[in-house]
Amino acid sequence: MIVAFGDSLTAGVAAGKNYPEDLQELLDQHSYSYRVENQGISGDTSSDGLSRIGNVIGAHPVLVILEFGGNDGLRGIPVAATRSNLQQMIEQLRAANIPVVLAGITLPPNYGPEYVKPFTAMFPALAKQFHLRLLPFLLIDVYQHPDMMQPDGIHPNSAGNQVVARDVFTLIKPLLKKATAARP
């Protein structure tokens, strides 16, 4: 099992409108026998994620796609606090021998460069510190395409989630193993 762990960008807004479901389809199409479990909750901050990390560890996944920070940024939570929460989640997953990939996020420029720059830099810094595969900005291939975004301009629509799933699939593919048929 692969756990997609995050906030509304992971949870999606309705059935068929989240990237973990589209990721499952890609895995199936490419003959990978993993089940993707969506443990995204809309509105969650990194602090909420840290409080739920035990549930993820208890599921014994073979991989976790970690995506938090957007709600922290939108609420102006200090970058050091968000980084600490993400670091603790990564450390707990690693202590449980669960591989992690990190999906970063950025913020609109109107939050100011003194906040946005260190916020955005936090994800590559964590990936470097823990030697993680990184997608620096989960929405990199959709956020500038209004036809792939919901009217709120924050969340991808169904078409956008398909692109996000493709990007996540590319990120995790080197960590996956295809099932082999049992020999008689």
Protein backbone atom coordinates (compact mmCIF):
# COMPACT_ATOMS: atom_id res chain seq x y z
CA MET A 1 0.00 0.00 0.00
CA ILE A 2 1.07 3.54 -0.78
CA VAL A 3 -0.31 6.27 1.48
CA ALA A 4 -0.97 9.71 0.03
CA PHE A 5 -0.80 11.85 3.18
CA GLY A 6 -1.68 15.52 3.13
CA ASP A 7 -4.30 18.23 3.07
CA SER A 8 -7.01 19.19 0.54
CA LEU A 9 -4.59 18.92 -2.38
CA THR A 10 -4.39 15.22 -1.54
CA ALA A 11 -7.95 14.73 -0.27
CA GLY A 12 -9.59 16.30 -3.29
CA VAL A 13 -13.07 17.72 -3.23
CA ALA A 14 -15.22 14.84 -4.43
CA ALA A 15 -14.98 11.25 -5.57
CA GLY A 16 -13.01 11.07 -8.80
CA LYS A 17 -11.50 14.47 -8.20
CA ASN A 18 -8.28 13.70 -6.36
CA TYR A 19 -4.84 12.78 -7.52
CA PRO A 20 -4.55 9.56 -5.42
CA GLU A 21 -7.43 8.00 -7.40
CA ASP A 22 -5.77 9.00 -10.66
CA LEU A 23 -2.43 7.69 -9.35
CA GLN A 24 -4.11 4.34 -8.65
CA GLU A 25 -5.26 4.19 -12.26
CA LEU A 26 -1.72 4.92 -13.50
CA LEU A 27 -0.26 2.22 -11.27
CA ASP A 28 -2.84 -0.26 -12.55
CA GLN A 29 -2.22 0.71 -16.19
CA HIS A 30 1.53 0.18 -15.74
CA SER A 31 1.09 -3.22 -14.01
CA TYR A 32 2.11 -2.14 -10.52
CA SER A 33 0.17 -4.00 -7.84
CA TYR A 34 -0.03 -1.29 -5.20
CA ARG A 35 -3.14 0.09 -3.56
CA VAL A 36 -3.16 3.84 -2.95
CA GLU A 37 -4.81 4.92 0.29
CA ASN A 38 -5.84 8.57 0.44
CA GLN A 39 -5.19 9.96 3.92
CA GLY A 40 -5.64 13.58 2.91
CA ILE A 41 -7.90 15.81 4.99
CA SER A 42 -9.02 19.21 3.74
CA GLY A 43 -7.91 22.08 5.93
CA ASP A 44 -5.17 20.14 7.70
CA THR A 45 -1.99 21.93 8.67
CA SER A 46 1.37 20.26 9.21
CA SER A 47 0.53 20.20 12.92
CA ASP A 48 -2.61 18.20 12.15
CA GLY A 49 -0.53 15.88 9.99
CA LEU A 50 1.94 15.37 12.81
CA SER A 51 -0.94 14.43 15.12
CA ARG A 52 -2.12 11.84 12.55
CA ILE A 53 1.26 10.35 11.64
CA GLY A 54 0.67 7.36 13.94
CA ASN A 55 -2.30 6.32 11.78
CA VAL A 56 -0.09 6.34 8.71
CA ILE A 57 2.65 4.33 10.41
CA GLY A 58 0.03 1.89 11.73
CA ALA A 59 -1.14 1.21 8.16
CA HIS A 60 2.36 -0.18 7.36
CA PRO A 61 2.63 1.36 3.88
CA VAL A 62 5.51 0.59 1.55
CA LEU A 63 5.71 4.30 0.66
CA VAL A 64 4.30 7.62 1.88
CA ILE A 65 3.73 10.64 -0.35
CA LEU A 66 3.98 13.52 2.15
CA GLU A 67 2.21 16.76 1.17
CA PHE A 68 1.58 19.42 3.81
CA GLY A 69 2.25 23.11 4.19
CA GLY A 70 -0.27 24.94 2.04
CA ASN A 71 -2.68 25.63 4.89
CA ASP A 72 0.21 26.58 7.16
CA GLY A 73 1.32 29.15 4.62
CA LEU A 74 -2.16 30.52 4.00
CA ARG A 75 -2.53 31.00 7.77
CA GLY A 76 0.88 32.62 8.14
CA ILE A 77 2.21 29.94 10.50
CA PRO A 78 5.94 30.52 11.03
CA VAL A 79 8.03 28.60 8.50
CA ALA A 80 10.19 27.18 11.31
CA ALA A 81 7.10 25.58 12.88
CA THR A 82 5.97 24.04 9.59
CA ARG A 83 9.46 22.76 8.88
CA SER A 84 9.70 21.25 12.36
CA ASN A 85 6.39 19.43 11.91
CA LEU A 86 7.40 18.07 8.50
CA GLN A 87 10.79 17.04 9.87
CA GLN A 88 9.18 15.17 12.76
CA MET A 89 6.83 13.35 10.37
CA ILE A 90 9.74 12.36 8.15
CA GLU A 91 11.79 11.21 11.14
CA GLN A 92 8.93 9.09 12.51
CA LEU A 93 8.29 7.48 9.12
CA ARG A 94 11.98 6.74 8.66
CA ALA A 95 12.21 5.30 12.19
CA ALA A 96 9.43 2.91 11.11
CA ASN A 97 11.42 2.04 7.96
CA ILE A 98 8.79 3.59 5.70
CA PRO A 99 10.17 5.33 2.60
CA VAL A 100 8.97 8.90 2.05
CA VAL A 101 8.75 11.19 -0.94
CA LEU A 102 8.06 14.87 -0.42
CA ALA A 103 5.62 16.98 -2.41
CA GLY A 104 6.18 20.68 -1.84
CA ILE A 105 3.94 23.65 -2.32
CA THR A 106 4.43 27.38 -2.73
CA LEU A 107 2.35 30.45 -1.96
CA PRO A 108 0.98 33.38 -3.95
CA PRO A 109 3.50 36.25 -4.27
CA ASN A 110 1.20 38.60 -2.34
CA TYR A 111 2.33 36.84 0.87
CA GLY A 112 5.60 38.72 0.43
CA PRO A 113 9.08 37.49 -0.47
CA GLU A 114 10.22 37.51 3.16
CA TYR A 115 7.70 34.72 3.86
CA VAL A 116 7.32 32.99 0.47
CA LYS A 117 11.05 32.53 -0.22
CA PRO A 118 11.92 30.61 2.98
CA PHE A 119 8.60 28.75 2.81
CA THR A 120 9.27 27.51 -0.72
CA ALA A 121 12.94 26.73 0.11
CA MET A 122 11.88 24.56 3.07
CA PHE A 123 10.90 21.61 0.85
CA PRO A 124 14.19 21.25 -1.09
CA ALA A 125 16.10 21.75 2.17
CA LEU A 126 14.20 18.91 3.86
CA ALA A 127 14.63 16.69 0.81
CA LYS A 128 18.37 17.34 0.85
CA GLN A 129 18.64 16.82 4.63
CA PHE A 130 16.84 13.45 4.49
CA HIS A 131 17.88 12.39 0.96
CA LEU A 132 14.26 12.25 -0.23
CA ARG A 133 12.84 12.27 -3.72
CA LEU A 134 11.12 15.64 -4.15
CA LEU A 135 8.45 17.23 -6.27
CA PRO A 136 9.24 20.86 -5.32
CA PHE A 137 5.77 22.14 -6.24
CA LEU A 138 2.92 19.63 -6.45
CA LEU A 139 0.93 21.85 -8.83
CA ILE A 140 3.84 22.88 -11.07
CA ASP A 141 2.22 21.67 -14.27
CA VAL A 142 -1.35 22.81 -13.52
CA TYR A 143 -1.46 26.05 -11.52
CA GLN A 144 -0.94 28.32 -14.54
CA HIS A 145 -3.67 26.60 -16.54
CA PRO A 146 -7.13 27.87 -15.53
CA ASP A 147 -8.73 24.93 -17.37
CA MET A 148 -6.99 22.58 -14.89
CA MET A 149 -7.87 24.52 -11.76
CA GLN A 150 -11.05 24.91 -9.78
CA PRO A 151 -12.59 28.40 -9.66
CA ASP A 152 -10.83 29.03 -6.31
CA GLY A 153 -7.49 29.05 -8.15
CA ILE A 154 -5.97 26.89 -5.38
CA HIS A 155 -7.14 23.35 -6.08
CA PRO A 156 -6.85 21.35 -9.28
CA ASN A 157 -9.99 20.11 -10.99
CA SER A 158 -10.38 16.58 -12.36
CA ALA A 159 -8.17 17.29 -15.40
CA GLY A 160 -5.57 18.96 -13.19
CA ASN A 161 -5.50 16.05 -10.76
CA GLN A 162 -4.71 13.70 -13.65
CA VAL A 163 -1.63 15.81 -14.41
CA VAL A 164 -0.66 15.92 -10.71
CA ALA A 165 -1.01 12.13 -10.57
CA ARG A 166 1.26 11.79 -13.59
CA ASP A 167 3.89 14.00 -11.91
CA VAL A 168 3.65 12.01 -8.66
CA PHE A 169 3.87 8.74 -10.61
CA THR A 170 7.08 9.98 -12.25
CA LEU A 171 8.42 10.89 -8.79
CA ILE A 172 7.70 7.52 -7.17
CA LYS A 173 8.25 5.17 -10.12
CA PRO A 174 11.96 4.54 -9.32
CA LEU A 175 10.89 3.32 -5.86
CA LEU A 176 8.29 0.85 -7.14
CA LYS A 177 8.60 -2.82 -7.98
CA LYS A 178 6.44 -4.68 -10.45
CA ALA A 179 4.89 -7.91 -9.28
CA THR A 180 6.35 -11.02 -10.79
CA ALA A 181 4.41 -14.16 -11.46
CA ALA A 182 5.13 -17.05 -9.13
CA ARG A 183 7.11 -19.87 -10.71
CA PRO A 184 5.73 -23.41 -10.49
